[in-house]
């Protein structure tokens, strides 16, 4: 699994961090998503998929 984010689409809602804090964070200055791990381990796959699903801006893409 590879995670790709589009910072331009991000609206700083923080849903990704709530779903998968091990993979996503937010910048302090504006709340835009920060990708902590572009290739998360298999045990985090469900959380990452959930994060992508709840992103209101569809800023997270998953490549299997």
N, C-alpha and C. Protein backbone atom coordinates (compact mmCIF):
# COMPACT_ATOMS: atom_id res chain seq x y z
N UNK A 1 0.85 -1.18 0.00
CA UNK A 1 0.00 0.00 0.00
C UNK A 1 0.89 1.24 0.00
N UNK A 2 0.55 2.17 -0.88
CA UNK A 2 1.24 3.46 -0.90
C UNK A 2 0.18 4.54 -0.74
N UNK A 3 0.45 5.51 0.13
CA UNK A 3 -0.47 6.60 0.39
C UNK A 3 0.05 7.86 -0.29
N UNK A 4 -0.83 8.53 -1.00
CA UNK A 4 -0.48 9.78 -1.69
C UNK A 4 -1.48 10.84 -1.22
N UNK A 5 -0.96 12.00 -0.85
CA UNK A 5 -1.85 13.09 -0.44
C UNK A 5 -1.71 14.26 -1.40
N UNK A 6 -2.79 15.01 -1.50
CA UNK A 6 -2.81 16.22 -2.32
C UNK A 6 -3.04 17.40 -1.37
N UNK A 7 -1.97 18.05 -0.99
CA UNK A 7 -2.06 19.17 -0.05
C UNK A 7 -2.95 20.29 -0.57
N UNK A 8 -3.02 20.44 -1.88
CA UNK A 8 -3.83 21.50 -2.48
C UNK A 8 -5.32 21.28 -2.22
N UNK A 9 -5.74 20.03 -2.13
CA UNK A 9 -7.14 19.71 -1.89
C UNK A 9 -7.50 19.75 -0.40
N UNK A 10 -6.52 19.53 0.47
CA UNK A 10 -6.76 19.39 1.90
C UNK A 10 -7.44 20.63 2.47
N UNK A 11 -8.49 20.39 3.29
CA UNK A 11 -9.23 21.48 3.93
C UNK A 11 -9.00 21.50 5.45
N UNK A 12 -8.02 20.74 5.92
CA UNK A 12 -7.60 20.75 7.33
C UNK A 12 -8.70 20.31 8.30
N UNK A 13 -9.52 19.35 7.88
CA UNK A 13 -10.60 18.87 8.74
C UNK A 13 -10.09 17.96 9.85
N UNK A 14 -8.96 17.30 9.63
CA UNK A 14 -8.37 16.46 10.65
C UNK A 14 -8.96 15.07 10.77
N UNK A 15 -9.85 14.70 9.88
CA UNK A 15 -10.47 13.37 9.94
C UNK A 15 -9.43 12.27 9.73
N UNK A 16 -8.44 12.52 8.90
CA UNK A 16 -7.41 11.52 8.65
C UNK A 16 -6.60 11.22 9.90
N UNK A 17 -6.29 12.26 10.65
CA UNK A 17 -5.52 12.09 11.89
C UNK A 17 -6.34 11.29 12.90
N UNK A 18 -7.62 11.58 12.98
CA UNK A 18 -8.49 10.84 13.91
C UNK A 18 -8.57 9.36 13.53
N UNK A 19 -8.52 9.06 12.24
CA UNK A 19 -8.64 7.68 11.77
C UNK A 19 -7.32 6.91 11.81
N UNK A 20 -6.22 7.61 11.55
CA UNK A 20 -4.91 6.92 11.46
C UNK A 20 -3.79 7.87 11.88
N UNK A 21 -3.68 8.11 13.17
CA UNK A 21 -2.68 9.06 13.69
C UNK A 21 -1.25 8.59 13.47
N UNK A 22 -1.06 7.30 13.24
CA UNK A 22 0.28 6.78 12.99
C UNK A 22 0.76 7.12 11.58
N UNK A 23 -0.18 7.49 10.71
CA UNK A 23 0.16 7.74 9.30
C UNK A 23 0.00 9.21 8.93
N UNK A 24 -0.93 9.90 9.57
CA UNK A 24 -1.21 11.30 9.22
C UNK A 24 -1.05 12.22 10.42
N UNK A 25 -0.65 13.45 10.14
CA UNK A 25 -0.59 14.50 11.13
C UNK A 25 -1.03 15.79 10.43
N UNK A 26 -1.04 16.89 11.16
CA UNK A 26 -1.41 18.18 10.57
C UNK A 26 -0.35 19.21 10.91
N UNK A 27 -0.10 20.11 9.96
CA UNK A 27 0.84 21.20 10.22
C UNK A 27 0.25 22.14 11.25
N UNK A 28 1.08 22.60 12.16
CA UNK A 28 0.62 23.49 13.23
C UNK A 28 0.09 24.81 12.69
N UNK A 29 0.73 25.35 11.66
CA UNK A 29 0.38 26.69 11.20
C UNK A 29 -0.95 26.78 10.46
N UNK A 30 -1.33 25.70 9.76
CA UNK A 30 -2.57 25.81 8.98
C UNK A 30 -3.43 24.55 8.98
N UNK A 31 -2.98 23.50 9.64
CA UNK A 31 -3.78 22.29 9.74
C UNK A 31 -3.74 21.37 8.54
N UNK A 32 -2.97 21.72 7.52
CA UNK A 32 -2.89 20.90 6.32
C UNK A 32 -2.24 19.55 6.66
N UNK A 33 -2.71 18.50 6.02
CA UNK A 33 -2.24 17.15 6.30
C UNK A 33 -0.74 17.00 6.05
N UNK A 34 -0.12 16.20 6.92
CA UNK A 34 1.29 15.82 6.78
C UNK A 34 1.32 14.30 6.76
N UNK A 35 1.94 13.74 5.77
CA UNK A 35 2.04 12.29 5.64
C UNK A 35 3.27 11.81 6.42
N UNK A 36 3.04 11.02 7.44
CA UNK A 36 4.13 10.52 8.28
C UNK A 36 4.73 9.23 7.73
N UNK A 37 3.92 8.45 7.02
CA UNK A 37 4.39 7.17 6.50
C UNK A 37 3.67 6.87 5.18
N UNK A 38 4.37 7.01 4.08
CA UNK A 38 3.75 6.79 2.77
C UNK A 38 3.52 5.31 2.47
N UNK A 39 4.20 4.44 3.20
CA UNK A 39 4.07 3.00 3.01
C UNK A 39 3.79 2.34 4.36
N UNK A 40 2.58 2.55 4.89
CA UNK A 40 2.27 2.02 6.21
C UNK A 40 2.23 0.49 6.23
N UNK A 41 2.49 -0.10 7.40
CA UNK A 41 2.44 -1.56 7.51
C UNK A 41 1.01 -2.09 7.32
N UNK A 42 0.92 -3.35 7.00
CA UNK A 42 -0.36 -3.98 6.70
C UNK A 42 -1.38 -3.84 7.82
N UNK A 43 -0.92 -3.84 9.06
CA UNK A 43 -1.85 -3.75 10.18
C UNK A 43 -2.55 -2.38 10.28
N UNK A 44 -2.04 -1.40 9.56
CA UNK A 44 -2.67 -0.07 9.55
C UNK A 44 -3.53 0.15 8.30
N UNK A 45 -3.57 -0.81 7.41
CA UNK A 45 -4.26 -0.65 6.13
C UNK A 45 -5.73 -0.26 6.29
N UNK A 46 -6.44 -0.91 7.20
CA UNK A 46 -7.86 -0.59 7.38
C UNK A 46 -8.05 0.83 7.88
N UNK A 47 -7.18 1.28 8.81
CA UNK A 47 -7.27 2.65 9.32
C UNK A 47 -6.99 3.67 8.22
N UNK A 48 -6.01 3.37 7.38
CA UNK A 48 -5.67 4.28 6.28
C UNK A 48 -6.81 4.36 5.27
N UNK A 49 -7.41 3.22 4.96
CA UNK A 49 -8.55 3.23 4.04
C UNK A 49 -9.71 4.03 4.64
N UNK A 50 -9.92 3.90 5.94
CA UNK A 50 -10.97 4.66 6.61
C UNK A 50 -10.67 6.16 6.53
N UNK A 51 -9.41 6.52 6.74
CA UNK A 51 -9.01 7.93 6.65
C UNK A 51 -9.31 8.50 5.26
N UNK A 52 -8.98 7.73 4.23
CA UNK A 52 -9.26 8.18 2.86
C UNK A 52 -10.76 8.32 2.63
N UNK A 53 -11.53 7.40 3.19
CA UNK A 53 -12.98 7.41 2.99
C UNK A 53 -13.65 8.59 3.67
N UNK A 54 -13.14 9.01 4.82
CA UNK A 54 -13.78 10.10 5.57
C UNK A 54 -13.23 11.48 5.23
N UNK A 55 -12.21 11.54 4.39
CA UNK A 55 -11.63 12.84 4.02
C UNK A 55 -12.66 13.64 3.22
N UNK A 56 -13.11 14.79 3.75
CA UNK A 56 -14.14 15.55 3.04
C UNK A 56 -13.67 16.16 1.72
N UNK A 57 -12.36 16.31 1.56
CA UNK A 57 -11.82 16.91 0.35
C UNK A 57 -11.29 15.88 -0.64
N UNK A 58 -11.36 14.59 -0.27
CA UNK A 58 -10.81 13.52 -1.11
C UNK A 58 -9.34 13.78 -1.46
N UNK A 59 -8.59 14.21 -0.45
CA UNK A 59 -7.19 14.57 -0.64
C UNK A 59 -6.24 13.39 -0.45
N UNK A 60 -6.77 12.21 -0.09
CA UNK A 60 -5.95 11.04 0.17
C UNK A 60 -6.25 9.99 -0.90
N UNK A 61 -5.19 9.52 -1.54
CA UNK A 61 -5.31 8.45 -2.54
C UNK A 61 -4.47 7.27 -2.09
N UNK A 62 -5.01 6.08 -2.28
CA UNK A 62 -4.30 4.86 -1.90
C UNK A 62 -4.00 4.06 -3.15
N UNK A 63 -2.75 3.69 -3.29
CA UNK A 63 -2.32 2.84 -4.41
C UNK A 63 -1.98 1.47 -3.82
N UNK A 64 -2.67 0.45 -4.29
CA UNK A 64 -2.45 -0.90 -3.75
C UNK A 64 -1.31 -1.59 -4.42
